[in-house]
Amino acid sequence: SGAPDRPLRIALLTYKGNPFCGGQGVYVRHLSRELARLGHSVEVIGAQPYPVLDDGVPLTELGSLDLYRQPDPFRTPKRGEYRDWIDALEVATMWTGGFPEPLTFSLRARRHLAARRGEFDVVHDNQTLGYGLLGDLGAPLVTTIHHPITVDRRLEIDAADGRRARASVRRWYGFTRMQKRVARRLPSVVTVSGSSKQEITDHLGVRPERIQVVPIGADTRLFSPDPAVPEIPGRIVTTSSADVPLKGLIHLVEALAKLRTEHPRAHLVVVGKRADD
């Protein structure tokens, strides 16, 4: 359908908003800013670490117990920190080796949105995929899934050394079972690439007709050619945060090999850090 005939009131959910690593906080910051520039009213609702947002985009802090904060990750909260049963669930899941935040944030978000029924036209979830987001939230729900975390789970299990380590990884990634169930029931999913769409279909079982691909944009005011830097014919530059199959670097290397049969000057520069041997 076309653009709405009036600005939308958007609740943008992020269960983690780290502004420096991981991508979630970066995505939420830029998406919220650009939606606001289009004239929409955007409110980010998030948990620790809270995202850094641009002027004009309000943040509603829907705090967790922040059990993984530095310098005391996996901490045990003091008795006075507990506010309700969701806090107790969060701590119990951590104590038993699981990762609670997608579930507990979704439950807090559901309660928060219920108290503000009628204030939003759409709820946009950034890959929380928690049980709390199922059912009536008071507004239509759209979810961004960047890629299935089940892929990370499989890679880490394959890399784990020994039965105990593999069991620990499986327990930590226990929340992916919930995410798989929730993803299949979502009315609308947005993802960032064709390969991610295929993975979401293959690993999460979401029907392809319910997935829309919206590629991640680039801020051309920041990322543009610098005339002071000479162009080097045939050079391709990429960044890779980790030397793991998930990042798809092997596909680029294979494509380069094919390209060089027709363009011998083509070469690749990778900016990153090699994994320890």
C-alpha atoms as a PDB file:
ATOM      1  CA  SER A   1       0.000   0.000   0.000  1.00  0.00           C
ATOM      2  CA  GLY A   2       1.021   3.649  -0.342  1.00  0.00           C
ATOM      3  CA  ALA A   3       2.184   6.087   2.295  1.00  0.00           C
ATOM      4  CA  PRO A   4      -0.305   6.838   5.097  1.00  0.00           C
ATOM      5  CA  ASP A   5      -2.345  10.017   4.713  1.00  0.00           C
ATOM      6  CA  ARG A   6      -1.319  11.177   8.185  1.00  0.00           C
ATOM      7  CA  PRO A   7       1.729  10.809  10.430  1.00  0.00           C
ATOM      8  CA  LEU A   8       1.855   7.584  12.408  1.00  0.00           C
ATOM      9  CA  ARG A   9       2.388   7.240  16.144  1.00  0.00           C
ATOM     10  CA  ILE A  10       5.000   4.485  16.401  1.00  0.00           C
ATOM     11  CA  ALA A  11       6.196   2.553  19.453  1.00  0.00           C
ATOM     12  CA  LEU A  12       9.641   1.122  18.623  1.00  0.00           C
ATOM     13  CA  LEU A  13      10.646  -1.706  20.976  1.00  0.00           C
ATOM     14  CA  THR A  14      14.217  -2.795  21.683  1.00  0.00           C
ATOM     15  CA  TYR A  15      15.066  -5.201  24.500  1.00  0.00           C
ATOM     16  CA  LYS A  16      18.717  -4.119  24.239  1.00  0.00           C
ATOM     17  CA  GLY A  17      19.908  -0.794  22.878  1.00  0.00           C
ATOM     18  CA  ASN A  18      23.692  -0.831  23.184  1.00  0.00           C
ATOM     19  CA  PRO A  19      24.777   2.187  21.108  1.00  0.00           C
ATOM     20  CA  PHE A  20      28.296   0.897  20.452  1.00  0.00           C
ATOM     21  CA  CYS A  21      28.156  -2.803  19.578  1.00  0.00           C
ATOM     22  CA  GLY A  22      25.786  -5.558  18.585  1.00  0.00           C
ATOM     23  CA  GLY A  23      23.830  -3.527  16.052  1.00  0.00           C
ATOM     24  CA  GLN A  24      20.468  -3.321  17.834  1.00  0.00           C
ATOM     25  CA  GLY A  25      21.009   0.122  19.332  1.00  0.00           C
ATOM     26  CA  VAL A  26      22.541   1.417  16.106  1.00  0.00           C
ATOM     27  CA  TYR A  27      19.582   0.182  14.054  1.00  0.00           C
ATOM     28  CA  VAL A  28      17.030   1.653  16.470  1.00  0.00           C
ATOM     29  CA  ARG A  29      18.779   5.018  16.595  1.00  0.00           C
ATOM     30  CA  HIS A  30      18.947   5.462  12.839  1.00  0.00           C
ATOM     31  CA  LEU A  31      15.513   4.014  12.104  1.00  0.00           C
ATOM     32  CA  SER A  32      13.806   6.183  14.725  1.00  0.00           C
ATOM     33  CA  ARG A  33      15.584   9.312  13.480  1.00  0.00           C
ATOM     34  CA  GLU A  34      14.614   8.737   9.847  1.00  0.00           C
ATOM     35  CA  LEU A  35      10.999   7.892  10.694  1.00  0.00           C
ATOM     36  CA  ALA A  36      10.821  11.138  12.676  1.00  0.00           C
ATOM     37  CA  ARG A  37      12.278  13.040   9.712  1.00  0.00           C
ATOM     38  CA  LEU A  38       9.459  11.658   7.575  1.00  0.00           C
ATOM     39  CA  GLY A  39       7.036  13.327   9.970  1.00  0.00           C
ATOM     40  CA  HIS A  40       6.028  10.385  12.123  1.00  0.00           C
ATOM     41  CA  SER A  41       5.888  10.453  15.914  1.00  0.00           C
ATOM     42  CA  VAL A  42       8.330   7.826  17.206  1.00  0.00           C
ATOM     43  CA  GLU A  43       8.836   6.740  20.803  1.00  0.00           C
ATOM     44  CA  VAL A  44      11.527   4.185  21.583  1.00  0.00           C
ATOM     45  CA  ILE A  45      10.691   1.834  24.448  1.00  0.00           C
ATOM     46  CA  GLY A  46      13.784  -0.037  25.565  1.00  0.00           C
ATOM     47  CA  ALA A  47      15.776  -1.732  28.282  1.00  0.00           C
ATOM     48  CA  GLN A  48      19.403  -1.636  29.390  1.00  0.00           C
ATOM     49  CA  PRO A  49      21.799  -0.836  27.901  1.00  0.00           C
ATOM     50  CA  TYR A  50      19.635   2.051  26.751  1.00  0.00           C
ATOM     51  CA  PRO A  51      20.090   3.365  23.200  1.00  0.00           C
ATOM     52  CA  VAL A  52      21.462   6.792  22.436  1.00  0.00           C
ATOM     53  CA  LEU A  53      18.836   8.604  20.360  1.00  0.00           C
ATOM     54  CA  ASP A  54      18.824  11.766  18.295  1.00  0.00           C
ATOM     55  CA  ASP A  55      17.024  14.950  19.265  1.00  0.00           C
ATOM     56  CA  GLY A  56      13.287  14.724  18.869  1.00  0.00           C
ATOM     57  CA  VAL A  57      13.040  10.993  19.590  1.00  0.00           C
ATOM     58  CA  PRO A  58      11.928  10.280  23.176  1.00  0.00           C
ATOM     59  CA  LEU A  59      13.060   7.205  25.096  1.00  0.00           C
ATOM     60  CA  THR A  60      10.850   5.397  27.573  1.00  0.00           C
ATOM     61  CA  GLU A  61      13.011   3.314  29.882  1.00  0.00           C
ATOM     62  CA  LEU A  62      11.411  -0.045  30.552  1.00  0.00           C
ATOM     63  CA  GLY A  63      14.161  -1.258  32.823  1.00  0.00           C
ATOM     64  CA  SER A  64      15.168  -4.836  33.460  1.00  0.00           C
ATOM     65  CA  LEU A  65      17.273  -5.863  36.444  1.00  0.00           C
ATOM     66  CA  ASP A  66      20.311  -5.380  34.159  1.00  0.00           C
ATOM     67  CA  LEU A  67      21.840  -8.674  35.244  1.00  0.00           C
ATOM     68  CA  TYR A  68      24.683  -8.592  32.715  1.00  0.00           C
ATOM     69  CA  ARG A  69      26.026  -5.105  33.319  1.00  0.00           C
ATOM     70  CA  GLN A  70      29.685  -4.444  33.898  1.00  0.00           C
ATOM     71  CA  PRO A  71      31.640  -4.744  36.112  1.00  0.00           C
ATOM     72  CA  ASP A  72      29.437  -7.412  37.729  1.00  0.00           C
ATOM     73  CA  PRO A  73      27.780  -9.556  35.034  1.00  0.00           C
ATOM     74  CA  PHE A  74      25.528 -12.413  36.194  1.00  0.00           C
ATOM     75  CA  ARG A  75      24.981 -10.530  39.432  1.00  0.00           C
ATOM     76  CA  THR A  76      22.395 -11.478  42.059  1.00  0.00           C
ATOM     77  CA  PRO A  77      20.077  -8.534  42.797  1.00  0.00           C
ATOM     78  CA  LYS A  78      19.477  -7.301  46.329  1.00  0.00           C
ATOM     79  CA  ARG A  79      16.095  -8.076  47.844  1.00  0.00           C
ATOM     80  CA  GLY A  80      14.914  -4.487  47.475  1.00  0.00           C
ATOM     81  CA  GLU A  81      15.474  -4.533  43.709  1.00  0.00           C
ATOM     82  CA  TYR A  82      12.680  -7.018  43.031  1.00  0.00           C
ATOM     83  CA  ARG A  83       9.520  -5.265  41.843  1.00  0.00           C
ATOM     84  CA  ASP A  84       7.259  -8.082  40.663  1.00  0.00           C
ATOM     85  CA  TRP A  85       7.031 -11.656  39.377  1.00  0.00           C
ATOM     86  CA  ILE A  86       8.677 -10.742  36.059  1.00  0.00           C
ATOM     87  CA  ASP A  87      11.831  -9.734  37.960  1.00  0.00           C
ATOM     88  CA  ALA A  88      11.759 -13.060  39.810  1.00  0.00           C
ATOM     89  CA  LEU A  89      11.402 -14.904  36.489  1.00  0.00           C
ATOM     90  CA  GLU A  90      14.348 -12.967  35.072  1.00  0.00           C
ATOM     91  CA  VAL A  91      16.651 -13.938  37.925  1.00  0.00           C
ATOM     92  CA  ALA A  92      15.487 -17.566  38.027  1.00  0.00           C
ATOM     93  CA  THR A  93      16.173 -17.967  34.297  1.00  0.00           C
ATOM     94  CA  MET A  94      19.659 -16.515  34.686  1.00  0.00           C
ATOM     95  CA  TRP A  95      20.396 -18.734  37.710  1.00  0.00           C
ATOM     96  CA  THR A  96      19.528 -21.806  35.642  1.00  0.00           C
ATOM     97  CA  GLY A  97      21.818 -20.801  32.778  1.00  0.00           C
ATOM     98  CA  GLY A  98      19.275 -19.250  30.411  1.00  0.00           C
ATOM     99  CA  PHE A  99      19.023 -15.825  28.815  1.00  0.00           C
ATOM    100  CA  PRO A 100      15.793 -14.206  30.053  1.00  0.00           C
ATOM    101  CA  GLU A 101      15.688 -10.758  28.458  1.00  0.00           C
ATOM    102  CA  PRO A 102      13.662 -11.383  25.275  1.00  0.00           C
ATOM    103  CA  LEU A 103      10.867 -12.990  27.308  1.00  0.00           C
ATOM    104  CA  THR A 104      10.886 -10.644  30.294  1.00  0.00           C
ATOM    105  CA  PHE A 105      11.122  -7.489  28.166  1.00  0.00           C
ATOM    106  CA  SER A 106       8.187  -8.669  26.051  1.00  0.00           C
ATOM    107  CA  LEU A 107       6.107  -9.185  29.204  1.00  0.00           C
ATOM    108  CA  ARG A 108       6.961  -5.716  30.520  1.00  0.00           C
ATOM    109  CA  ALA A 109       6.290  -4.203  27.083  1.00  0.00           C
ATOM    110  CA  ARG A 110       2.889  -5.873  26.898  1.00  0.00           C
ATOM    111  CA  ARG A 111       1.928  -4.489  30.306  1.00  0.00           C
ATOM    112  CA  HIS A 112       3.216  -1.025  29.371  1.00  0.00           C
ATOM    113  CA  LEU A 113       1.365  -0.941  26.048  1.00  0.00           C
ATOM    114  CA  ALA A 114      -1.864  -2.146  27.682  1.00  0.00           C
ATOM    115  CA  ALA A 115      -1.711   0.828  30.048  1.00  0.00           C
ATOM    116  CA  ARG A 116      -1.327   3.162  27.056  1.00  0.00           C
ATOM    117  CA  ARG A 117      -3.931   1.689  24.748  1.00  0.00           C
ATOM    118  CA  GLY A 118      -4.903   4.111  21.987  1.00  0.00           C
ATOM    119  CA  GLU A 119      -1.656   6.107  22.081  1.00  0.00           C
ATOM    120  CA  PHE A 120       0.046   4.284  19.174  1.00  0.00           C
ATOM    121  CA  ASP A 121      -0.944   3.421  15.625  1.00  0.00           C
ATOM    122  CA  VAL A 122       1.691   0.705  15.205  1.00  0.00           C
ATOM    123  CA  VAL A 123       4.107  -1.222  17.423  1.00  0.00           C
ATOM    124  CA  HIS A 124       7.453  -2.050  15.787  1.00  0.00           C
ATOM    125  CA  ASP A 125       9.442  -4.734  17.589  1.00  0.00           C
ATOM    126  CA  ASN A 126      13.175  -5.066  16.957  1.00  0.00           C
ATOM    127  CA  GLN A 127      13.663  -8.848  17.181  1.00  0.00           C
ATOM    128  CA  THR A 128      12.439  -9.396  20.741  1.00  0.00           C
ATOM    129  CA  LEU A 129      10.107 -12.179  19.591  1.00  0.00           C
ATOM    130  CA  GLY A 130       8.828 -12.819  23.106  1.00  0.00           C
ATOM    131  CA  TYR A 131       5.555 -14.407  24.173  1.00  0.00           C
ATOM    132  CA  GLY A 132       4.355 -11.084  25.578  1.00  0.00           C
ATOM    133  CA  LEU A 133       4.010  -9.708  22.046  1.00  0.00           C
ATOM    134  CA  LEU A 134       1.373 -12.236  20.992  1.00  0.00           C
ATOM    135  CA  GLY A 135      -2.271 -11.262  21.072  1.00  0.00           C
ATOM    136  CA  ASP A 136      -3.816  -7.802  21.303  1.00  0.00           C
ATOM    137  CA  LEU A 137      -1.271  -5.044  21.990  1.00  0.00           C
ATOM    138  CA  GLY A 138      -3.695  -2.227  21.260  1.00  0.00           C
ATOM    139  CA  ALA A 139      -2.112  -1.567  17.845  1.00  0.00           C
ATOM    140  CA  PRO A 140      -0.901  -3.613  14.857  1.00  0.00           C
ATOM    141  CA  LEU A 141       2.515  -5.248  15.318  1.00  0.00           C
ATOM    142  CA  VAL A 142       5.376  -5.409  12.834  1.00  0.00           C
ATOM    143  CA  THR A 143       8.653  -7.093  13.725  1.00  0.00           C
ATOM    144  CA  THR A 144      12.133  -6.735  12.294  1.00  0.00           C
ATOM    145  CA  ILE A 145      14.106  -9.994  12.279  1.00  0.00           C
ATOM    146  CA  HIS A 146      17.681  -9.327  11.199  1.00  0.00           C
ATOM    147  CA  HIS A 147      18.531 -13.020  11.098  1.00  0.00           C
ATOM    148  CA  PRO A 148      17.444 -16.084  13.085  1.00  0.00           C
ATOM    149  CA  ILE A 149      19.403 -16.451  16.332  1.00  0.00           C
ATOM    150  CA  THR A 150      19.010 -20.188  15.817  1.00  0.00           C
ATOM    151  CA  VAL A 151      21.873 -19.853  13.305  1.00  0.00           C
ATOM    152  CA  ASP A 152      24.147 -18.423  16.027  1.00  0.00           C
ATOM    153  CA  ARG A 153      23.030 -21.245  18.316  1.00  0.00           C
ATOM    154  CA  ARG A 154      24.029 -23.911  15.812  1.00  0.00           C
ATOM    155  CA  LEU A 155      27.432 -22.325  15.146  1.00  0.00           C
ATOM    156  CA  GLU A 156      28.223 -22.046  18.865  1.00  0.00           C
ATOM    157  CA  ILE A 157      27.156 -25.633  19.556  1.00  0.00           C
ATOM    158  CA  ASP A 158      29.401 -26.806  16.713  1.00  0.00           C
ATOM    159  CA  ALA A 159      32.308 -24.817  18.173  1.00  0.00           C
ATOM    160  CA  ALA A 160      31.744 -25.925  21.793  1.00  0.00           C
ATOM    161  CA  ASP A 161      34.359 -28.234  23.295  1.00  0.00           C
ATOM    162  CA  GLY A 162      32.785 -31.165  25.110  1.00  0.00           C
ATOM    163  CA  ARG A 163      29.357 -32.329  26.202  1.00  0.00           C
ATOM    164  CA  ARG A 164      29.080 -29.942  29.158  1.00  0.00           C
ATOM    165  CA  ALA A 165      29.941 -26.916  27.008  1.00  0.00           C
ATOM    166  CA  ARG A 166      27.369 -27.926  24.393  1.00  0.00           C
ATOM    167  CA  ALA A 167      24.704 -28.357  27.090  1.00  0.00           C
ATOM    168  CA  SER A 168      25.522 -24.907  28.443  1.00  0.00           C
ATOM    169  CA  VAL A 169      25.161 -23.350  24.994  1.00  0.00           C
ATOM    170  CA  ARG A 170      21.827 -25.103  24.445  1.00  0.00           C
ATOM    171  CA  ARG A 171      20.502 -23.817  27.770  1.00  0.00           C
ATOM    172  CA  TRP A 172      21.676 -20.248  27.095  1.00  0.00           C
ATOM    173  CA  TYR A 173      19.937 -20.285  23.734  1.00  0.00           C
ATOM    174  CA  GLY A 174      16.765 -21.784  25.161  1.00  0.00           C
ATOM    175  CA  PHE A 175      14.928 -18.557  24.301  1.00  0.00           C
ATOM    176  CA  THR A 176      15.251 -19.404  20.588  1.00  0.00           C
ATOM    177  CA  ARG A 177      12.486 -21.995  20.961  1.00  0.00           C
ATOM    178  CA  MET A 178      10.191 -19.189  22.065  1.00  0.00           C
ATOM    179  CA  GLN A 179      11.354 -16.943  19.238  1.00  0.00           C
ATOM    180  CA  LYS A 180      10.635 -19.667  16.704  1.00  0.00           C
ATOM    181  CA  ARG A 181       7.093 -20.181  18.020  1.00  0.00           C
ATOM    182  CA  VAL A 182       6.396 -16.441  18.179  1.00  0.00           C
ATOM    183  CA  ALA A 183       7.821 -15.708  14.715  1.00  0.00           C
ATOM    184  CA  ARG A 184       5.439 -18.212  13.123  1.00  0.00           C
ATOM    185  CA  ARG A 185       2.453 -16.402  14.631  1.00  0.00           C
ATOM    186  CA  LEU A 186       3.443 -12.840  13.775  1.00  0.00           C
ATOM    187  CA  PRO A 187       1.250 -11.023  11.245  1.00  0.00           C
ATOM    188  CA  SER A 188       4.079  -9.118   9.539  1.00  0.00           C
ATOM    189  CA  VAL A 189       7.856  -9.548   9.462  1.00  0.00           C
ATOM    190  CA  VAL A 190      10.446  -7.166   8.045  1.00  0.00           C
ATOM    191  CA  THR A 191      13.982  -8.310   7.306  1.00  0.00           C
ATOM    192  CA  VAL A 192      17.067  -6.721   5.803  1.00  0.00           C
ATOM    193  CA  SER A 193      18.114  -8.949   2.889  1.00  0.00           C
ATOM    194  CA  GLY A 194      17.054 -11.764   0.612  1.00  0.00           C
ATOM    195  CA  SER A 195      19.399 -14.193   2.347  1.00  0.00           C
ATOM    196  CA  SER A 196      17.918 -13.290   5.746  1.00  0.00           C
ATOM    197  CA  LYS A 197      14.426 -13.863   4.344  1.00  0.00           C
ATOM    198  CA  GLN A 198      15.455 -17.330   3.200  1.00  0.00           C
ATOM    199  CA  GLU A 199      16.998 -18.126   6.604  1.00  0.00           C
ATOM    200  CA  ILE A 200      13.863 -16.929   8.417  1.00  0.00           C
ATOM    201  CA  THR A 201      11.773 -19.233   6.227  1.00  0.00           C
ATOM    202  CA  ASP A 202      14.151 -22.184   6.611  1.00  0.00           C
ATOM    203  CA  HIS A 203      14.989 -21.892  10.320  1.00  0.00           C
ATOM    204  CA  LEU A 204      11.912 -20.239  11.852  1.00  0.00           C
ATOM    205  CA  GLY A 205       9.213 -21.592   9.579  1.00  0.00           C
ATOM    206  CA  VAL A 206       7.751 -18.190   8.687  1.00  0.00           C
ATOM    207  CA  ARG A 207       5.873 -18.272   5.394  1.00  0.00           C
ATOM    208  CA  PRO A 208       7.739 -16.223   2.765  1.00  0.00           C
ATOM    209  CA  GLU A 209       4.650 -14.247   1.748  1.00  0.00           C
ATOM    210  CA  ARG A 210       4.537 -12.740   5.268  1.00  0.00           C
ATOM    211  CA  ILE A 211       8.115 -11.415   5.036  1.00  0.00           C
ATOM    212  CA  GLN A 212       8.983  -8.058   3.488  1.00  0.00           C
ATOM    213  CA  VAL A 213      12.602  -7.201   2.637  1.00  0.00           C
ATOM    214  CA  VAL A 214      13.602  -3.614   3.503  1.00  0.00           C
ATOM    215  CA  PRO A 215      17.367  -3.257   2.993  1.00  0.00           C
ATOM    216  CA  ILE A 216      19.352  -1.295   5.546  1.00  0.00           C
ATOM    217  CA  GLY A 217      20.174   2.127   4.148  1.00  0.00           C
ATOM    218  CA  ALA A 218      23.352   4.176   4.335  1.00  0.00           C
ATOM    219  CA  ASP A 219      23.554   7.805   5.437  1.00  0.00           C
ATOM    220  CA  THR A 220      25.058   9.331   2.290  1.00  0.00           C
ATOM    221  CA  ARG A 221      25.831  12.556   4.134  1.00  0.00           C
ATOM    222  CA  LEU A 222      28.311  10.548   6.214  1.00  0.00           C
ATOM    223  CA  PHE A 223      29.286   7.724   3.881  1.00  0.00           C
ATOM    224  CA  SER A 224      30.333   9.279   0.587  1.00  0.00           C
ATOM    225  CA  PRO A 225      33.506   9.293  -1.525  1.00  0.00           C
ATOM    226  CA  ASP A 226      36.302  11.503  -0.200  1.00  0.00           C
ATOM    227  CA  PRO A 227      37.919  13.329  -3.122  1.00  0.00           C
ATOM    228  CA  ALA A 228      41.199  13.480  -1.179  1.00  0.00           C
ATOM    229  CA  VAL A 229      41.493   9.682  -1.235  1.00  0.00           C
ATOM    230  CA  PRO A 230      42.632   8.314  -4.607  1.00  0.00           C
ATOM    231  CA  GLU A 231      40.640   5.543  -6.221  1.00  0.00           C
ATOM    232  CA  ILE A 232      42.523   2.276  -6.719  1.00  0.00           C
ATOM    233  CA  PRO A 233      41.236   0.399  -9.770  1.00  0.00           C
ATOM    234  CA  GLY A 234      39.843  -3.026  -8.944  1.00  0.00           C
ATOM    235  CA  ARG A 235      39.846  -2.554  -5.175  1.00  0.00           C
ATOM    236  CA  ILE A 236      36.915  -3.868  -3.131  1.00  0.00           C
ATOM    237  CA  VAL A 237      36.824  -3.044   0.580  1.00  0.00           C
ATOM    238  CA  THR A 238      34.652  -4.780   3.160  1.00  0.00           C
ATOM    239  CA  THR A 239      34.459  -4.978   6.931  1.00  0.00           C
ATOM    240  CA  SER A 240      34.010  -8.152   8.933  1.00  0.00           C
ATOM    241  CA  SER A 241      33.445  -8.111  12.677  1.00  0.00           C
ATOM    242  CA  ALA A 242      34.345 -11.775  13.002  1.00  0.00           C
ATOM    243  CA  ASP A 243      35.891 -14.509  10.886  1.00  0.00           C
ATOM    244  CA  VAL A 244      32.854 -16.805  11.175  1.00  0.00           C
ATOM    245  CA  PRO A 245      30.544 -18.339   8.549  1.00  0.00           C
ATOM    246  CA  LEU A 246      27.614 -16.204   9.765  1.00  0.00           C
ATOM    247  CA  LYS A 247      29.153 -13.087   8.218  1.00  0.00           C
ATOM    248  CA  GLY A 248      29.234 -14.590   4.732  1.00  0.00           C
ATOM    249  CA  LEU A 249      32.808 -13.576   3.921  1.00  0.00           C
ATOM    250  CA  ILE A 250      33.437 -16.894   2.181  1.00  0.00           C
ATOM    251  CA  HIS A 251      30.776 -16.051  -0.420  1.00  0.00           C
ATOM    252  CA  LEU A 252      32.513 -12.766  -1.206  1.00  0.00           C
ATOM    253  CA  VAL A 253      35.859 -14.520  -1.602  1.00  0.00           C
ATOM    254  CA  GLU A 254      34.293 -17.077  -3.955  1.00  0.00           C
ATOM    255  CA  ALA A 255      32.657 -14.294  -5.966  1.00  0.00           C
ATOM    256  CA  LEU A 256      35.996 -12.492  -6.164  1.00  0.00           C
ATOM    257  CA  ALA A 257      37.648 -15.601  -7.619  1.00  0.00           C
ATOM    258  CA  LYS A 258      35.024 -15.676 -10.379  1.00  0.00           C
ATOM    259  CA  LEU A 259      35.316 -11.935 -10.960  1.00  0.00           C
ATOM    260  CA  ARG A 260      39.089 -12.133 -11.367  1.00  0.00           C
ATOM    261  CA  THR A 261      38.733 -14.449 -14.361  1.00  0.00           C
ATOM    262  CA  GLU A 262      37.332 -11.441 -16.260  1.00  0.00           C
ATOM    263  CA  HIS A 263      38.929  -8.582 -14.290  1.00  0.00           C
ATOM    264  CA  PRO A 264      42.434  -9.622 -13.160  1.00  0.00           C
ATOM    265  CA  ARG A 265      43.027  -6.354 -11.281  1.00  0.00           C
ATOM    266  CA  ALA A 266      40.146  -7.016  -8.884  1.00  0.00           C
ATOM    267  CA  HIS A 267      41.329  -7.527  -5.314  1.00  0.00           C
ATOM    268  CA  LEU A 268      39.794  -7.511  -1.843  1.00  0.00           C
ATOM    269  CA  VAL A 269      40.790  -5.648   1.320  1.00  0.00           C
ATOM    270  CA  VAL A 270      39.117  -6.939   4.502  1.00  0.00           C
ATOM    271  CA  VAL A 271      39.055  -4.631   7.525  1.00  0.00           C
ATOM    272  CA  GLY A 272      38.674  -6.782  10.627  1.00  0.00           C
ATOM    273  CA  LYS A 273      40.370  -9.119  13.036  1.00  0.00           C
ATOM    274  CA  ARG A 274      41.321 -12.687  12.275  1.00  0.00           C
ATOM    275  CA  ALA A 275      39.914 -15.254  14.690  1.00  0.00           C
ATOM    276  CA  ASP A 276      42.411 -16.991  16.933  1.00  0.00           C
ATOM    277  CA  ASP A 277      43.749 -20.202  15.435  1.00  0.00           C
END
